[in-house]
N, C-alpha and C. Protein backbone atom coordinates (compact mmCIF):
# COMPACT_ATOMS: atom_id res chain seq x y z
N UNK A 1 88.62 -104.07 100.16
CA UNK A 1 87.51 -104.28 100.52
C UNK A 1 86.51 -104.78 99.34
N UNK A 2 85.81 -105.77 98.89
CA UNK A 2 85.10 -106.05 97.64
C UNK A 2 83.49 -105.35 98.35
N UNK A 3 82.96 -105.36 96.57
CA UNK A 3 81.36 -105.03 97.06
C UNK A 3 80.70 -105.56 97.73
N UNK A 4 80.95 -106.94 98.20
CA UNK A 4 80.13 -107.82 98.99
C UNK A 4 80.22 -107.68 100.30
N UNK A 5 81.53 -106.97 100.81
CA UNK A 5 81.89 -106.82 102.11
C UNK A 5 81.14 -105.36 102.61
N UNK A 6 81.18 -104.61 101.49
CA UNK A 6 80.61 -103.22 101.52
C UNK A 6 79.18 -103.41 102.06
N UNK A 7 78.46 -104.14 101.32
CA UNK A 7 76.95 -104.89 101.13
C UNK A 7 76.74 -105.00 102.72
N UNK A 8 77.65 -106.04 103.19
CA UNK A 8 77.19 -106.59 104.25
C UNK A 8 77.68 -106.03 105.43
N UNK A 9 78.55 -104.85 105.20
CA UNK A 9 78.36 -103.96 106.62
C UNK A 9 77.24 -103.05 106.27
N UNK A 10 76.95 -102.81 105.35
CA UNK A 10 75.56 -101.85 105.11
C UNK A 10 74.50 -102.40 105.96
N UNK A 11 74.29 -103.56 105.47
CA UNK A 11 72.99 -104.25 105.81
C UNK A 11 73.15 -104.43 107.42
N UNK A 12 74.30 -104.99 108.13
CA UNK A 12 74.59 -104.87 109.27
C UNK A 12 74.16 -103.42 110.22
N UNK A 13 74.69 -102.34 109.44
CA UNK A 13 74.45 -101.15 110.14
C UNK A 13 72.96 -100.82 109.94
N UNK A 14 72.23 -100.81 109.11
CA UNK A 14 70.59 -100.71 108.78
C UNK A 14 70.15 -101.86 110.23
N UNK A 15 70.68 -102.56 110.62
CA UNK A 15 70.02 -103.33 111.85
C UNK A 15 70.09 -102.79 112.94
N UNK A 16 70.94 -101.66 113.06
CA UNK A 16 71.23 -101.45 114.65
C UNK A 16 70.23 -100.12 115.03
N UNK A 17 70.02 -100.51 116.15
CA UNK A 17 69.04 -99.32 117.06
C UNK A 17 69.72 -98.14 117.03
N UNK A 18 69.29 -96.89 117.25
CA UNK A 18 70.06 -95.62 117.19
C UNK A 18 70.76 -95.53 118.27
N UNK A 19 71.02 -96.06 119.35
CA UNK A 19 71.93 -95.91 120.31
C UNK A 19 73.30 -96.43 119.82
N UNK A 20 73.22 -97.80 119.27
CA UNK A 20 74.33 -98.44 118.79
C UNK A 20 74.73 -97.52 117.55
N UNK A 21 74.09 -96.92 116.87
CA UNK A 21 74.39 -96.41 115.49
C UNK A 21 75.43 -95.61 115.51
N UNK A 22 74.97 -94.83 116.86
CA UNK A 22 75.71 -93.57 117.26
C UNK A 22 77.11 -93.97 117.58
N UNK A 23 77.18 -94.91 118.56
CA UNK A 23 78.57 -95.55 118.70
C UNK A 23 79.70 -96.20 117.37
N UNK A 24 78.73 -96.66 116.56
CA UNK A 24 79.21 -97.12 115.39
C UNK A 24 79.87 -96.01 114.62
N UNK A 25 78.92 -94.73 114.31
CA UNK A 25 79.43 -93.58 113.76
C UNK A 25 80.72 -92.94 114.57
N UNK A 26 80.94 -92.87 115.98
CA UNK A 26 81.98 -92.36 116.57
C UNK A 26 83.33 -93.02 116.09
N UNK A 27 82.75 -94.52 116.14
CA UNK A 27 84.05 -95.47 116.00
C UNK A 27 84.62 -95.42 114.35
N UNK A 28 83.76 -95.27 113.23
CA UNK A 28 84.05 -94.80 112.22
C UNK A 28 84.76 -93.66 111.80
N UNK A 29 84.24 -92.90 112.56
CA UNK A 29 84.92 -91.48 112.48
C UNK A 29 86.03 -91.59 112.79
N UNK A 30 86.45 -92.11 114.29
CA UNK A 30 87.93 -92.40 114.75
C UNK A 30 88.66 -92.99 113.60
N UNK A 31 88.15 -94.02 113.28
CA UNK A 31 88.96 -94.87 112.05
C UNK A 31 89.39 -94.26 110.80
N UNK A 32 88.45 -93.07 110.51
CA UNK A 32 88.63 -92.24 109.27
C UNK A 32 89.63 -91.09 109.64
N UNK A 33 89.21 -90.75 110.70
CA UNK A 33 90.21 -89.41 111.26
C UNK A 33 91.01 -89.50 112.35
N UNK A 34 91.68 -90.26 112.69
CA UNK A 34 92.36 -90.56 113.83
C UNK A 34 93.41 -89.33 114.65
N UNK A 35 93.24 -88.43 114.03
CA UNK A 35 93.99 -87.16 114.42
C UNK A 35 92.80 -86.31 115.37
N UNK A 36 91.51 -86.42 114.42
CA UNK A 36 90.40 -85.79 115.31
C UNK A 36 90.04 -86.75 116.71
N UNK A 37 90.28 -87.93 116.54
CA UNK A 37 89.88 -88.69 117.80
C UNK A 37 91.20 -88.31 118.79
N UNK A 38 92.35 -88.19 118.38
CA UNK A 38 93.34 -87.66 119.31
C UNK A 38 92.90 -86.37 120.07
N UNK A 39 92.32 -85.58 118.87
CA UNK A 39 92.34 -84.33 119.63
C UNK A 39 91.09 -84.46 120.50
N UNK A 40 90.25 -85.17 120.25
CA UNK A 40 88.59 -85.27 121.05
C UNK A 40 89.18 -85.83 122.55
N UNK A 41 90.10 -86.51 122.57
CA UNK A 41 90.63 -87.52 124.07
C UNK A 41 92.00 -86.79 124.77
N UNK A 42 92.51 -85.81 123.91
CA UNK A 42 93.22 -84.97 124.37
C UNK A 42 92.94 -84.09 126.15
N UNK A 43 94.08 -83.95 126.80
CA UNK A 43 93.18 -83.56 128.44
C UNK A 43 93.05 -81.96 128.10
N UNK A 44 92.19 -81.45 128.72
CA UNK A 44 91.78 -79.93 128.64
C UNK A 44 93.14 -79.22 129.56
N UNK A 45 93.36 -78.09 128.95
CA UNK A 45 94.43 -77.39 128.90
C UNK A 45 94.34 -76.71 130.48
N UNK A 46 94.68 -76.93 131.06
CA UNK A 46 94.71 -76.74 132.97
C UNK A 46 95.77 -75.91 133.33
N UNK A 47 96.33 -75.08 132.45
CA UNK A 47 97.49 -74.22 132.92
C UNK A 47 97.02 -72.95 133.05
N UNK A 48 97.41 -72.26 134.07
CA UNK A 48 96.77 -71.05 134.34
C UNK A 48 97.26 -70.16 133.59
N UNK A 49 96.67 -68.95 133.17
CA UNK A 49 96.89 -67.87 132.45
C UNK A 49 97.85 -66.91 132.90
N UNK A 50 98.86 -66.51 132.17
CA UNK A 50 99.64 -65.65 132.64
C UNK A 50 99.26 -64.19 132.57
N UNK A 51 99.80 -63.29 133.00
CA UNK A 51 99.61 -61.70 133.34
C UNK A 51 99.22 -61.18 132.02
N UNK A 52 99.87 -61.56 131.13
CA UNK A 52 99.63 -61.02 129.79
C UNK A 52 98.49 -61.90 128.83
N UNK A 53 98.09 -62.62 129.14
CA UNK A 53 96.68 -63.45 128.62
C UNK A 53 95.61 -63.03 129.28
N UNK A 54 95.82 -62.79 130.57
CA UNK A 54 94.73 -62.43 131.50
C UNK A 54 94.33 -60.38 131.04
N UNK A 55 95.49 -60.12 130.73
CA UNK A 55 95.37 -58.73 130.35
C UNK A 55 94.68 -58.43 129.21
N UNK A 56 95.03 -59.53 128.13
CA UNK A 56 94.53 -59.50 126.82
C UNK A 56 92.93 -59.61 126.99
N UNK A 57 92.73 -60.68 127.68
CA UNK A 57 91.12 -61.15 127.70
C UNK A 57 90.25 -59.81 128.52
N UNK A 58 90.66 -59.12 129.59
CA UNK A 58 90.12 -57.91 129.89
C UNK A 58 90.18 -57.10 128.73
N UNK A 59 91.17 -56.72 127.97
CA UNK A 59 91.40 -55.41 126.89
C UNK A 59 90.16 -56.41 126.00
N UNK A 60 90.11 -57.49 125.68
CA UNK A 60 88.74 -57.53 124.87
C UNK A 60 87.63 -57.88 125.09
N UNK A 61 87.33 -57.92 126.51
CA UNK A 61 86.21 -57.88 127.16
C UNK A 61 85.32 -56.24 127.23
N UNK A 62 86.63 -55.51 127.33
CA UNK A 62 86.56 -54.02 127.40
C UNK A 62 85.99 -53.46 125.99
N UNK A 63 86.75 -53.97 124.94
CA UNK A 63 86.36 -53.61 123.57
C UNK A 63 85.08 -53.62 123.24
N UNK A 64 84.73 -55.16 123.51
CA UNK A 64 83.40 -55.86 123.09
C UNK A 64 82.08 -54.62 123.97
N UNK A 65 82.49 -53.99 125.15
CA UNK A 65 81.45 -53.24 125.42
C UNK A 65 81.46 -51.91 124.56
N UNK A 66 82.21 -51.70 123.94
CA UNK A 66 82.16 -50.22 123.31
C UNK A 66 82.38 -50.54 121.72
N UNK A 67 82.27 -51.88 121.49
CA UNK A 67 82.28 -51.98 119.71
C UNK A 67 81.41 -53.03 119.35
N UNK A 68 80.57 -53.37 117.91
CA UNK A 68 79.87 -53.92 117.71
C UNK A 68 80.59 -55.32 117.26
N UNK A 69 80.49 -56.53 117.87
CA UNK A 69 81.46 -58.01 117.46
C UNK A 69 81.48 -57.82 115.93
N UNK A 70 82.06 -58.68 114.95
CA UNK A 70 82.29 -58.53 113.54
C UNK A 70 81.89 -60.12 113.53
N UNK A 71 80.94 -60.46 112.55
CA UNK A 71 80.32 -61.71 112.31
C UNK A 71 81.54 -62.47 111.42
N UNK A 72 81.41 -63.47 111.93
CA UNK A 72 82.74 -64.66 111.07
C UNK A 72 82.47 -64.20 109.63
N UNK A 73 81.29 -64.13 109.01
CA UNK A 73 80.88 -63.93 107.50
C UNK A 73 81.51 -62.85 107.05
N UNK A 74 81.56 -61.76 107.73
CA UNK A 74 82.46 -60.93 107.34
C UNK A 74 83.50 -60.92 107.10
N UNK A 75 84.39 -61.12 108.24
CA UNK A 75 85.93 -61.57 108.44
C UNK A 75 86.17 -62.31 107.22
N UNK A 76 85.67 -63.40 106.86
CA UNK A 76 85.69 -64.43 105.98
C UNK A 76 85.77 -63.47 104.62
N UNK A 77 84.58 -62.97 104.29
CA UNK A 77 84.49 -62.10 102.89
C UNK A 77 85.75 -61.23 102.53
N UNK A 78 85.66 -60.92 103.55
CA UNK A 78 87.45 -59.85 103.39
C UNK A 78 88.36 -60.88 102.51
N UNK A 79 88.40 -61.95 102.94
CA UNK A 79 89.44 -62.94 102.52
C UNK A 79 88.79 -63.64 101.05
N UNK A 80 87.73 -63.30 100.72
CA UNK A 80 86.93 -64.22 99.32
C UNK A 80 86.89 -65.30 99.58
N UNK A 81 86.31 -65.70 101.37
CA UNK A 81 85.84 -66.99 101.68
C UNK A 81 84.31 -67.13 102.23
N UNK A 82 83.90 -67.90 102.27
CA UNK A 82 82.47 -68.18 102.86
C UNK A 82 82.54 -69.24 104.04
N UNK A 83 81.45 -69.47 104.58
CA UNK A 83 81.53 -70.45 105.71
C UNK A 83 81.47 -71.83 104.96
N UNK A 84 80.89 -71.84 103.79
CA UNK A 84 81.02 -73.28 102.92
C UNK A 84 82.28 -73.49 102.73
N UNK A 85 83.56 -72.83 102.79
CA UNK A 85 84.72 -73.03 102.62
C UNK A 85 85.47 -74.06 104.06
N UNK A 86 84.77 -73.90 105.11
CA UNK A 86 85.08 -74.65 106.24
C UNK A 86 83.85 -75.51 106.65
N UNK A 87 83.80 -76.70 106.09
CA UNK A 87 82.77 -77.78 106.33
C UNK A 87 83.23 -78.08 107.68
N UNK A 88 82.34 -77.74 108.86
CA UNK A 88 82.31 -78.14 110.12
C UNK A 88 80.95 -78.84 110.25
N UNK A 89 80.90 -79.28 111.48
CA UNK A 89 79.74 -80.39 111.72
C UNK A 89 78.82 -79.08 112.04
N UNK A 90 77.43 -78.91 111.38
CA UNK A 90 76.49 -78.10 111.58
C UNK A 90 77.06 -76.55 111.45
N UNK A 91 78.37 -76.60 110.55
CA UNK A 91 79.05 -75.40 110.08
C UNK A 91 79.23 -74.34 111.00
N UNK A 92 79.71 -74.88 111.80
CA UNK A 92 80.64 -74.30 113.06
C UNK A 92 79.50 -73.73 114.11
N UNK A 93 77.99 -73.90 114.01
CA UNK A 93 77.08 -73.57 114.90
C UNK A 93 77.22 -74.35 116.34
């Protein structure tokens, strides 16, 4: 792609109203990261929980009744990492 084409695309994008701009953003993101698009379009997992999974969830809920949750930042710090090492949209919030 040459500089003129890039400038023309930018000029067209600058003319779009917000609703169309959001649609173009989604299209561009899908073109840049097709794996993310595939994941976004994947069907939800509707497989029933196994007895073991259900028991594990029950244990975790019971644990939270008696223990303070550990913030992500603290867990990452144990490995020498920060939230900045994981560039998520809105930093995962």
